[in-house]
């Protein structure tokens, strides 16, 4: 059975609701590829940038057990094993394979997964079977026209589908997938990247819609201007606060996101041990999704 929201508030740093606790997490970068083309996303493999979608290396599911053991030795506060990338966790089978190992070898750890949701509906049963406790889905719009301004297109069952048509498929799969996994007790967090001039007036509709589908908590992430959206200014603190106030009319809002890397290890904002575990490798210049 998945952990309850009450347990998550005590043990998961993303559910502490307005406070930084002493709960740690390890992110396992086992998912190299992606299946959508976010206009703000620039995948990098390096040790320098502190943002989602960056890792020092990609590991295999078989390496995960040793890495978790070593990480717990360094940071006994680790309660959560998360997979956030560096690509999408459902674009390959590696994340679900890794979570099966975690379930067997580290049953006390919370299993946390992030996805763009394109394959969420069709892989919901696999997610449930893997024993995922909490799922984060990045939903940047629930209107296909707005989504098409943020995401160029999707790679879906061997076909590239761009524009509004691709956006419509993505949104449907996200919302129906959230509905399906939340119905069995998996706690769902929704991330939205706030893009000024594109989805800033759409936040209330997103929040209301995902809440109606079963999402438990909502996280608004400020755009990092890069890739094809490098000419758009990052939202100001005032704009972020305004968006959060709009969203919290409908759903609890998460306010202390640390923009964690895909290979983060430790307590957010307090300790970081990734450099002791992961090795720096060459950069891969592909585009992929925020986790």
C-alpha atoms as a PDB file:
ATOM      1  CA  UNK A   1       0.000   0.000   0.000  1.00  0.00           C
ATOM      2  CA  UNK A   2       1.284   3.480  -0.873  1.00  0.00           C
ATOM      3  CA  UNK A   3       2.278   5.842   1.962  1.00  0.00           C
ATOM      4  CA  UNK A   4      -0.392   8.203   3.222  1.00  0.00           C
ATOM      5  CA  UNK A   5      -0.092  11.990   2.822  1.00  0.00           C
ATOM      6  CA  UNK A   6       0.364  12.189   6.607  1.00  0.00           C
ATOM      7  CA  UNK A   7       3.411   9.903   6.421  1.00  0.00           C
ATOM      8  CA  UNK A   8       4.775  11.858   3.472  1.00  0.00           C
ATOM      9  CA  UNK A   9       4.563  15.143   5.383  1.00  0.00           C
ATOM     10  CA  UNK A  10       6.810  13.635   8.034  1.00  0.00           C
ATOM     11  CA  UNK A  11       9.269  11.780   5.808  1.00  0.00           C
ATOM     12  CA  UNK A  12       9.349  13.380   2.340  1.00  0.00           C
ATOM     13  CA  UNK A  13      11.067  16.783   1.880  1.00  0.00           C
ATOM     14  CA  UNK A  14       8.651  17.773  -0.895  1.00  0.00           C
ATOM     15  CA  UNK A  15       5.602  17.352   1.347  1.00  0.00           C
ATOM     16  CA  UNK A  16       6.784  19.195   4.456  1.00  0.00           C
ATOM     17  CA  UNK A  17       4.359  22.038   3.628  1.00  0.00           C
ATOM     18  CA  UNK A  18       6.266  25.276   4.091  1.00  0.00           C
ATOM     19  CA  UNK A  19       9.157  24.065   6.198  1.00  0.00           C
ATOM     20  CA  UNK A  20      12.549  22.535   5.586  1.00  0.00           C
ATOM     21  CA  UNK A  21      12.964  19.417   7.662  1.00  0.00           C
ATOM     22  CA  UNK A  22      15.719  16.862   8.074  1.00  0.00           C
ATOM     23  CA  UNK A  23      14.391  14.344   5.579  1.00  0.00           C
ATOM     24  CA  UNK A  24      16.842  13.406   2.854  1.00  0.00           C
ATOM     25  CA  UNK A  25      16.431  11.961  -0.611  1.00  0.00           C
ATOM     26  CA  UNK A  26      18.527  10.298  -3.248  1.00  0.00           C
ATOM     27  CA  UNK A  27      17.806  10.780  -6.937  1.00  0.00           C
ATOM     28  CA  UNK A  28      18.853   7.942  -9.215  1.00  0.00           C
ATOM     29  CA  UNK A  29      19.560   9.166 -12.787  1.00  0.00           C
ATOM     30  CA  UNK A  30      18.575   5.993 -14.627  1.00  0.00           C
ATOM     31  CA  UNK A  31      16.277   7.439 -17.315  1.00  0.00           C
ATOM     32  CA  UNK A  32      18.315   8.841 -20.235  1.00  0.00           C
ATOM     33  CA  UNK A  33      15.726   9.456 -22.959  1.00  0.00           C
ATOM     34  CA  UNK A  34      12.593  11.527 -23.367  1.00  0.00           C
ATOM     35  CA  UNK A  35       9.487  11.518 -25.541  1.00  0.00           C
ATOM     36  CA  UNK A  36       8.343  15.162 -25.571  1.00  0.00           C
ATOM     37  CA  UNK A  37      10.039  18.362 -26.707  1.00  0.00           C
ATOM     38  CA  UNK A  38       9.656  21.058 -24.059  1.00  0.00           C
ATOM     39  CA  UNK A  39      10.784  24.411 -25.411  1.00  0.00           C
ATOM     40  CA  UNK A  40      12.469  25.340 -22.111  1.00  0.00           C
ATOM     41  CA  UNK A  41      14.397  22.126 -21.591  1.00  0.00           C
ATOM     42  CA  UNK A  42      18.133  21.708 -22.113  1.00  0.00           C
ATOM     43  CA  UNK A  43      19.577  18.431 -20.902  1.00  0.00           C
ATOM     44  CA  UNK A  44      23.116  18.584 -19.609  1.00  0.00           C
ATOM     45  CA  UNK A  45      25.503  16.168 -17.953  1.00  0.00           C
ATOM     46  CA  UNK A  46      27.766  18.171 -15.660  1.00  0.00           C
ATOM     47  CA  UNK A  47      28.646  18.840 -12.040  1.00  0.00           C
ATOM     48  CA  UNK A  48      27.947  22.554 -12.095  1.00  0.00           C
ATOM     49  CA  UNK A  49      24.310  23.465 -12.748  1.00  0.00           C
ATOM     50  CA  UNK A  50      21.760  23.216  -9.964  1.00  0.00           C
ATOM     51  CA  UNK A  51      18.506  22.682 -11.813  1.00  0.00           C
ATOM     52  CA  UNK A  52      16.164  19.842 -12.800  1.00  0.00           C
ATOM     53  CA  UNK A  53      17.352  17.609 -15.597  1.00  0.00           C
ATOM     54  CA  UNK A  54      21.073  17.849 -14.874  1.00  0.00           C
ATOM     55  CA  UNK A  55      23.189  14.924 -13.734  1.00  0.00           C
ATOM     56  CA  UNK A  56      26.862  14.038 -13.509  1.00  0.00           C
ATOM     57  CA  UNK A  57      26.199  10.660 -15.137  1.00  0.00           C
ATOM     58  CA  UNK A  58      23.506   8.184 -16.119  1.00  0.00           C
ATOM     59  CA  UNK A  59      23.514   4.906 -14.220  1.00  0.00           C
ATOM     60  CA  UNK A  60      21.938   1.520 -14.843  1.00  0.00           C
ATOM     61  CA  UNK A  61      19.273  -0.100 -12.639  1.00  0.00           C
ATOM     62  CA  UNK A  62      21.846  -2.699 -11.563  1.00  0.00           C
ATOM     63  CA  UNK A  63      24.100   0.040 -10.178  1.00  0.00           C
ATOM     64  CA  UNK A  64      21.313   1.526  -8.082  1.00  0.00           C
ATOM     65  CA  UNK A  65      21.533  -0.886  -5.121  1.00  0.00           C
ATOM     66  CA  UNK A  66      25.189  -0.090  -4.412  1.00  0.00           C
ATOM     67  CA  UNK A  67      24.637   3.645  -4.872  1.00  0.00           C
ATOM     68  CA  UNK A  68      21.738   3.661  -2.412  1.00  0.00           C
ATOM     69  CA  UNK A  69      23.794   1.724   0.166  1.00  0.00           C
ATOM     70  CA  UNK A  70      26.733   4.126  -0.156  1.00  0.00           C
ATOM     71  CA  UNK A  71      24.431   7.138   0.008  1.00  0.00           C
ATOM     72  CA  UNK A  72      22.729   5.962   3.201  1.00  0.00           C
ATOM     73  CA  UNK A  73      26.160   5.451   4.777  1.00  0.00           C
ATOM     74  CA  UNK A  74      26.957   9.099   3.983  1.00  0.00           C
ATOM     75  CA  UNK A  75      23.523  10.482   4.882  1.00  0.00           C
ATOM     76  CA  UNK A  76      21.472   8.507   7.378  1.00  0.00           C
ATOM     77  CA  UNK A  77      18.613  11.019   6.947  1.00  0.00           C
ATOM     78  CA  UNK A  78      17.686   9.599   3.532  1.00  0.00           C
ATOM     79  CA  UNK A  79      14.056   8.463   3.557  1.00  0.00           C
ATOM     80  CA  UNK A  80      13.213   8.813  -0.125  1.00  0.00           C
ATOM     81  CA  UNK A  81      14.446   7.252  -3.343  1.00  0.00           C
ATOM     82  CA  UNK A  82      13.400   9.377  -6.287  1.00  0.00           C
ATOM     83  CA  UNK A  83      13.814   9.066 -10.043  1.00  0.00           C
ATOM     84  CA  UNK A  84      13.375  12.340 -11.876  1.00  0.00           C
ATOM     85  CA  UNK A  85      15.409  11.856 -15.022  1.00  0.00           C
ATOM     86  CA  UNK A  86      17.507  13.082 -16.589  1.00  0.00           C
ATOM     87  CA  UNK A  87      14.947  12.158 -19.241  1.00  0.00           C
ATOM     88  CA  UNK A  88      11.399  10.941 -18.700  1.00  0.00           C
ATOM     89  CA  UNK A  89      10.990   7.995 -16.362  1.00  0.00           C
ATOM     90  CA  UNK A  90       8.405   6.254 -18.543  1.00  0.00           C
ATOM     91  CA  UNK A  91      10.160   6.754 -21.892  1.00  0.00           C
ATOM     92  CA  UNK A  92      12.292   3.703 -21.027  1.00  0.00           C
ATOM     93  CA  UNK A  93      11.751   0.802 -18.627  1.00  0.00           C
ATOM     94  CA  UNK A  94      14.782   1.595 -16.466  1.00  0.00           C
ATOM     95  CA  UNK A  95      12.961   3.547 -13.728  1.00  0.00           C
ATOM     96  CA  UNK A  96      10.353   0.865 -13.094  1.00  0.00           C
ATOM     97  CA  UNK A  97      13.076  -1.810 -13.109  1.00  0.00           C
ATOM     98  CA  UNK A  98      14.990   0.217 -10.522  1.00  0.00           C
ATOM     99  CA  UNK A  99      11.959   0.662  -8.290  1.00  0.00           C
ATOM    100  CA  UNK A 100      11.433  -3.099  -8.244  1.00  0.00           C
ATOM    101  CA  UNK A 101      14.961  -3.438  -6.856  1.00  0.00           C
ATOM    102  CA  UNK A 102      14.281  -0.698  -4.292  1.00  0.00           C
ATOM    103  CA  UNK A 103      11.057  -2.391  -3.194  1.00  0.00           C
ATOM    104  CA  UNK A 104      12.916  -5.669  -2.610  1.00  0.00           C
ATOM    105  CA  UNK A 105      16.167  -4.371  -1.107  1.00  0.00           C
ATOM    106  CA  UNK A 106      15.075  -1.174   0.668  1.00  0.00           C
ATOM    107  CA  UNK A 107      11.407  -1.653   1.613  1.00  0.00           C
ATOM    108  CA  UNK A 108      11.408   1.130   4.224  1.00  0.00           C
ATOM    109  CA  UNK A 109      12.337   3.857   1.720  1.00  0.00           C
ATOM    110  CA  UNK A 110       9.632   5.959   0.081  1.00  0.00           C
ATOM    111  CA  UNK A 111       9.539   5.481  -3.691  1.00  0.00           C
ATOM    112  CA  UNK A 112       9.055   8.750  -5.571  1.00  0.00           C
ATOM    113  CA  UNK A 113       8.781   9.080  -9.348  1.00  0.00           C
ATOM    114  CA  UNK A 114       8.473  12.054 -11.725  1.00  0.00           C
ATOM    115  CA  UNK A 115       7.132  11.993 -15.267  1.00  0.00           C
ATOM    116  CA  UNK A 116       5.868  14.243 -18.037  1.00  0.00           C
ATOM    117  CA  UNK A 117       2.829  11.942 -18.164  1.00  0.00           C
ATOM    118  CA  UNK A 118       2.716  11.105 -21.866  1.00  0.00           C
ATOM    119  CA  UNK A 119       2.756   7.376 -21.070  1.00  0.00           C
ATOM    120  CA  UNK A 120       1.222   7.663 -17.616  1.00  0.00           C
ATOM    121  CA  UNK A 121      -2.199   6.330 -18.515  1.00  0.00           C
ATOM    122  CA  UNK A 122      -0.973   3.227 -20.318  1.00  0.00           C
ATOM    123  CA  UNK A 123       1.738   2.474 -17.737  1.00  0.00           C
ATOM    124  CA  UNK A 124      -0.372   3.228 -14.665  1.00  0.00           C
ATOM    125  CA  UNK A 125      -0.763  -0.455 -13.798  1.00  0.00           C
ATOM    126  CA  UNK A 126       3.027  -0.931 -13.960  1.00  0.00           C
ATOM    127  CA  UNK A 127       3.518   2.070 -11.666  1.00  0.00           C
ATOM    128  CA  UNK A 128       1.020   0.660  -9.200  1.00  0.00           C
ATOM    129  CA  UNK A 129       2.671  -2.776  -9.339  1.00  0.00           C
ATOM    130  CA  UNK A 130       6.101  -1.235  -8.667  1.00  0.00           C
ATOM    131  CA  UNK A 131       4.793   0.133  -5.379  1.00  0.00           C
ATOM    132  CA  UNK A 132       5.345   3.818  -6.126  1.00  0.00           C
ATOM    133  CA  UNK A 133       4.324   5.931  -3.124  1.00  0.00           C
ATOM    134  CA  UNK A 134       4.260   9.364  -4.719  1.00  0.00           C
ATOM    135  CA  UNK A 135       4.152  10.481  -8.323  1.00  0.00           C
ATOM    136  CA  UNK A 136       4.994  13.919  -9.692  1.00  0.00           C
ATOM    137  CA  UNK A 137       3.506  14.859 -13.066  1.00  0.00           C
ATOM    138  CA  UNK A 138       4.572  18.010 -14.906  1.00  0.00           C
ATOM    139  CA  UNK A 139       1.411  19.619 -16.307  1.00  0.00           C
ATOM    140  CA  UNK A 140       2.153  22.976 -17.916  1.00  0.00           C
ATOM    141  CA  UNK A 141      -1.307  23.516 -19.405  1.00  0.00           C
ATOM    142  CA  UNK A 142      -4.700  21.862 -19.708  1.00  0.00           C
ATOM    143  CA  UNK A 143      -5.510  23.813 -22.878  1.00  0.00           C
ATOM    144  CA  UNK A 144      -3.817  22.243 -25.952  1.00  0.00           C
ATOM    145  CA  UNK A 145      -3.276  25.632 -27.597  1.00  0.00           C
ATOM    146  CA  UNK A 146      -1.326  26.881 -24.593  1.00  0.00           C
ATOM    147  CA  UNK A 147       0.557  23.596 -24.213  1.00  0.00           C
ATOM    148  CA  UNK A 148       1.638  23.767 -27.868  1.00  0.00           C
ATOM    149  CA  UNK A 149       3.440  27.056 -27.095  1.00  0.00           C
ATOM    150  CA  UNK A 150       5.464  25.329 -24.376  1.00  0.00           C
ATOM    151  CA  UNK A 151       6.024  21.924 -25.943  1.00  0.00           C
ATOM    152  CA  UNK A 152       6.808  21.511 -29.653  1.00  0.00           C
ATOM    153  CA  UNK A 153       5.540  17.951 -29.915  1.00  0.00           C
ATOM    154  CA  UNK A 154       5.534  14.362 -28.711  1.00  0.00           C
ATOM    155  CA  UNK A 155       7.135  11.090 -29.802  1.00  0.00           C
ATOM    156  CA  UNK A 156       4.304   8.632 -29.358  1.00  0.00           C
ATOM    157  CA  UNK A 157       4.267   4.984 -30.428  1.00  0.00           C
ATOM    158  CA  UNK A 158       6.837   5.539 -33.148  1.00  0.00           C
ATOM    159  CA  UNK A 159       5.235   8.700 -34.520  1.00  0.00           C
ATOM    160  CA  UNK A 160       6.116  12.352 -34.045  1.00  0.00           C
ATOM    161  CA  UNK A 161       2.992  14.453 -33.437  1.00  0.00           C
ATOM    162  CA  UNK A 162       3.471  18.190 -33.162  1.00  0.00           C
ATOM    163  CA  UNK A 163       1.484  21.272 -32.277  1.00  0.00           C
ATOM    164  CA  UNK A 164      -2.020  21.238 -30.834  1.00  0.00           C
ATOM    165  CA  UNK A 165      -2.698  17.602 -31.782  1.00  0.00           C
ATOM    166  CA  UNK A 166       0.319  16.373 -29.846  1.00  0.00           C
ATOM    167  CA  UNK A 167      -0.555  18.649 -26.933  1.00  0.00           C
ATOM    168  CA  UNK A 168      -4.097  17.259 -26.798  1.00  0.00           C
ATOM    169  CA  UNK A 169      -2.808  13.682 -26.530  1.00  0.00           C
ATOM    170  CA  UNK A 170      -0.294  14.659 -23.843  1.00  0.00           C
ATOM    171  CA  UNK A 171      -2.870  16.470 -21.706  1.00  0.00           C
ATOM    172  CA  UNK A 172      -5.424  13.667 -21.972  1.00  0.00           C
ATOM    173  CA  UNK A 173      -2.861  11.055 -20.944  1.00  0.00           C
ATOM    174  CA  UNK A 174      -1.649  13.198 -18.049  1.00  0.00           C
ATOM    175  CA  UNK A 175      -5.096  13.865 -16.607  1.00  0.00           C
ATOM    176  CA  UNK A 176      -6.503  10.376 -17.086  1.00  0.00           C
ATOM    177  CA  UNK A 177      -3.269   8.908 -15.723  1.00  0.00           C
ATOM    178  CA  UNK A 178      -3.465  11.107 -12.619  1.00  0.00           C
ATOM    179  CA  UNK A 179      -7.058  10.004 -12.161  1.00  0.00           C
ATOM    180  CA  UNK A 180      -6.104   6.329 -12.366  1.00  0.00           C
ATOM    181  CA  UNK A 181      -3.091   6.297 -10.032  1.00  0.00           C
ATOM    182  CA  UNK A 182      -4.607   8.608  -7.432  1.00  0.00           C
ATOM    183  CA  UNK A 183      -7.677   6.370  -7.238  1.00  0.00           C
ATOM    184  CA  UNK A 184      -5.545   3.555  -5.762  1.00  0.00           C
ATOM    185  CA  UNK A 185      -3.902   5.764  -3.124  1.00  0.00           C
ATOM    186  CA  UNK A 186      -0.746   7.012  -4.821  1.00  0.00           C
ATOM    187  CA  UNK A 187      -0.152  10.615  -3.745  1.00  0.00           C
ATOM    188  CA  UNK A 188       0.161  12.856  -6.801  1.00  0.00           C
ATOM    189  CA  UNK A 189       2.078  16.134  -6.920  1.00  0.00           C
ATOM    190  CA  UNK A 190       1.706  18.288 -10.018  1.00  0.00           C
ATOM    191  CA  UNK A 191       4.510  20.580 -11.198  1.00  0.00           C
ATOM    192  CA  UNK A 192       3.839  23.506 -13.504  1.00  0.00           C
ATOM    193  CA  UNK A 193       6.621  25.558 -15.056  1.00  0.00           C
ATOM    194  CA  UNK A 194       5.420  29.174 -14.895  1.00  0.00           C
ATOM    195  CA  UNK A 195       6.121  30.822 -18.265  1.00  0.00           C
ATOM    196  CA  UNK A 196       5.257  34.551 -18.282  1.00  0.00           C
ATOM    197  CA  UNK A 197       3.077  35.546 -21.188  1.00  0.00           C
ATOM    198  CA  UNK A 198       2.131  31.953 -21.990  1.00  0.00           C
ATOM    199  CA  UNK A 199       0.571  30.096 -19.043  1.00  0.00           C
ATOM    200  CA  UNK A 200       0.612  32.685 -16.245  1.00  0.00           C
ATOM    201  CA  UNK A 201      -3.099  33.452 -16.745  1.00  0.00           C
ATOM    202  CA  UNK A 202      -3.870  29.734 -16.968  1.00  0.00           C
ATOM    203  CA  UNK A 203      -2.716  28.658 -13.495  1.00  0.00           C
ATOM    204  CA  UNK A 204      -6.149  28.609 -11.853  1.00  0.00           C
ATOM    205  CA  UNK A 205      -7.540  26.346 -14.553  1.00  0.00           C
ATOM    206  CA  UNK A 206      -4.593  23.955 -14.262  1.00  0.00           C
ATOM    207  CA  UNK A 207      -4.854  23.825 -10.467  1.00  0.00           C
ATOM    208  CA  UNK A 208      -8.605  23.234 -10.472  1.00  0.00           C
ATOM    209  CA  UNK A 209      -8.403  20.591 -13.181  1.00  0.00           C
ATOM    210  CA  UNK A 210      -5.608  18.518 -11.639  1.00  0.00           C
ATOM    211  CA  UNK A 211      -7.267  18.695  -8.224  1.00  0.00           C
ATOM    212  CA  UNK A 212     -10.491  17.382  -9.758  1.00  0.00           C
ATOM    213  CA  UNK A 213      -8.479  14.516 -11.236  1.00  0.00           C
ATOM    214  CA  UNK A 214      -7.066  13.546  -7.836  1.00  0.00           C
ATOM    215  CA  UNK A 215      -3.823  15.503  -7.416  1.00  0.00           C
ATOM    216  CA  UNK A 216      -2.953  16.212  -3.787  1.00  0.00           C
ATOM    217  CA  UNK A 217      -0.422  19.050  -3.954  1.00  0.00           C
ATOM    218  CA  UNK A 218       0.720  21.620  -6.527  1.00  0.00           C
ATOM    219  CA  UNK A 219       4.167  23.070  -7.205  1.00  0.00           C
ATOM    220  CA  UNK A 220       4.771  26.131  -9.378  1.00  0.00           C
ATOM    221  CA  UNK A 221       8.312  26.211 -10.781  1.00  0.00           C
ATOM    222  CA  UNK A 222       9.649  29.490 -12.224  1.00  0.00           C
ATOM    223  CA  UNK A 223      10.870  29.242 -15.796  1.00  0.00           C
ATOM    224  CA  UNK A 224      14.637  29.068 -16.215  1.00  0.00           C
ATOM    225  CA  UNK A 225      15.099  30.978 -19.498  1.00  0.00           C
ATOM    226  CA  UNK A 226      17.017  28.620 -21.796  1.00  0.00           C
ATOM    227  CA  UNK A 227      16.802  26.642 -25.021  1.00  0.00           C
ATOM    228  CA  UNK A 228      13.925  27.917 -27.212  1.00  0.00           C
ATOM    229  CA  UNK A 229      12.464  30.047 -24.417  1.00  0.00           C
ATOM    230  CA  UNK A 230      15.724  31.802 -23.595  1.00  0.00           C
ATOM    231  CA  UNK A 231      14.237  35.166 -24.643  1.00  0.00           C
ATOM    232  CA  UNK A 232      11.456  35.024 -22.027  1.00  0.00           C
ATOM    233  CA  UNK A 233      12.277  36.592 -18.667  1.00  0.00           C
ATOM    234  CA  UNK A 234      12.000  34.422 -15.585  1.00  0.00           C
ATOM    235  CA  UNK A 235       8.918  35.247 -13.513  1.00  0.00           C
ATOM    236  CA  UNK A 236       9.457  37.690 -10.663  1.00  0.00           C
ATOM    237  CA  UNK A 237       8.850  36.806  -7.007  1.00  0.00           C
ATOM    238  CA  UNK A 238       5.631  38.818  -7.211  1.00  0.00           C
ATOM    239  CA  UNK A 239       4.445  36.865 -10.257  1.00  0.00           C
ATOM    240  CA  UNK A 240       5.251  33.549  -8.584  1.00  0.00           C
ATOM    241  CA  UNK A 241       3.429  34.570  -5.404  1.00  0.00           C
ATOM    242  CA  UNK A 242       0.410  35.697  -7.414  1.00  0.00           C
ATOM    243  CA  UNK A 243       0.287  32.366  -9.267  1.00  0.00           C
ATOM    244  CA  UNK A 244       0.515  30.442  -5.992  1.00  0.00           C
ATOM    245  CA  UNK A 245      -2.342  32.427  -4.472  1.00  0.00           C
ATOM    246  CA  UNK A 246      -4.491  31.687  -7.515  1.00  0.00           C
ATOM    247  CA  UNK A 247      -3.698  27.967  -7.317  1.00  0.00           C
ATOM    248  CA  UNK A 248      -4.290  27.572  -3.597  1.00  0.00           C
ATOM    249  CA  UNK A 249      -7.955  28.429  -4.055  1.00  0.00           C
ATOM    250  CA  UNK A 250      -8.239  24.842  -5.276  1.00  0.00           C
ATOM    251  CA  UNK A 251      -5.271  22.792  -4.036  1.00  0.00           C
ATOM    252  CA  UNK A 252      -2.493  22.810  -1.439  1.00  0.00           C
ATOM    253  CA  UNK A 253       0.578  24.596  -2.791  1.00  0.00           C
ATOM    254  CA  UNK A 254       4.177  23.534  -2.212  1.00  0.00           C
ATOM    255  CA  UNK A 255       6.365  26.599  -1.573  1.00  0.00           C
ATOM    256  CA  UNK A 256       9.931  25.480  -0.885  1.00  0.00           C
ATOM    257  CA  UNK A 257      11.050  23.687  -4.064  1.00  0.00           C
ATOM    258  CA  UNK A 258      14.861  23.484  -4.265  1.00  0.00           C
ATOM    259  CA  UNK A 259      15.020  22.795  -8.047  1.00  0.00           C
ATOM    260  CA  UNK A 260      16.886  19.560  -7.347  1.00  0.00           C
ATOM    261  CA  UNK A 261      19.191  17.940  -9.880  1.00  0.00           C
ATOM    262  CA  UNK A 262      18.476  14.475 -11.238  1.00  0.00           C
ATOM    263  CA  UNK A 263      21.380  13.139  -9.136  1.00  0.00           C
ATOM    264  CA  UNK A 264      20.774  15.006  -5.864  1.00  0.00           C
ATOM    265  CA  UNK A 265      21.705  13.226  -2.617  1.00  0.00           C
ATOM    266  CA  UNK A 266      21.102  14.596   0.883  1.00  0.00           C
ATOM    267  CA  UNK A 267      18.763  16.941   2.717  1.00  0.00           C
ATOM    268  CA  UNK A 268      17.551  19.761   0.424  1.00  0.00           C
ATOM    269  CA  UNK A 269      19.108  23.078   1.376  1.00  0.00           C
ATOM    270  CA  UNK A 270      21.313  21.500   4.045  1.00  0.00           C
ATOM    271  CA  UNK A 271      23.550  18.718   2.782  1.00  0.00           C
ATOM    272  CA  UNK A 272      24.675  17.494  -0.651  1.00  0.00           C
ATOM    273  CA  UNK A 273      26.682  14.331  -1.284  1.00  0.00           C
ATOM    274  CA  UNK A 274      26.336  13.778  -5.052  1.00  0.00           C
ATOM    275  CA  UNK A 275      29.992  14.590  -5.728  1.00  0.00           C
ATOM    276  CA  UNK A 276      31.018  11.698  -3.489  1.00  0.00           C
ATOM    277  CA  UNK A 277      28.837   9.224  -5.384  1.00  0.00           C
ATOM    278  CA  UNK A 278      28.443  10.225  -9.012  1.00  0.00           C
ATOM    279  CA  UNK A 279      31.290  10.775 -11.451  1.00  0.00           C
ATOM    280  CA  UNK A 280      31.460  13.557 -14.037  1.00  0.00           C
ATOM    281  CA  UNK A 281      31.084  12.436 -17.647  1.00  0.00           C
ATOM    282  CA  UNK A 282      30.841  14.104 -21.015  1.00  0.00           C
ATOM    283  CA  UNK A 283      27.834  16.290 -21.829  1.00  0.00           C
ATOM    284  CA  UNK A 284      24.921  14.974 -23.858  1.00  0.00           C
ATOM    285  CA  UNK A 285      23.222  17.673 -25.941  1.00  0.00           C
ATOM    286  CA  UNK A 286      19.694  16.301 -26.206  1.00  0.00           C
ATOM    287  CA  UNK A 287      16.455  17.987 -25.284  1.00  0.00           C
ATOM    288  CA  UNK A 288      14.290  16.435 -22.598  1.00  0.00           C
ATOM    289  CA  UNK A 289      11.649  17.119 -19.972  1.00  0.00           C
ATOM    290  CA  UNK A 290      11.787  18.628 -16.503  1.00  0.00           C
ATOM    291  CA  UNK A 291      11.235  16.078 -13.803  1.00  0.00           C
END
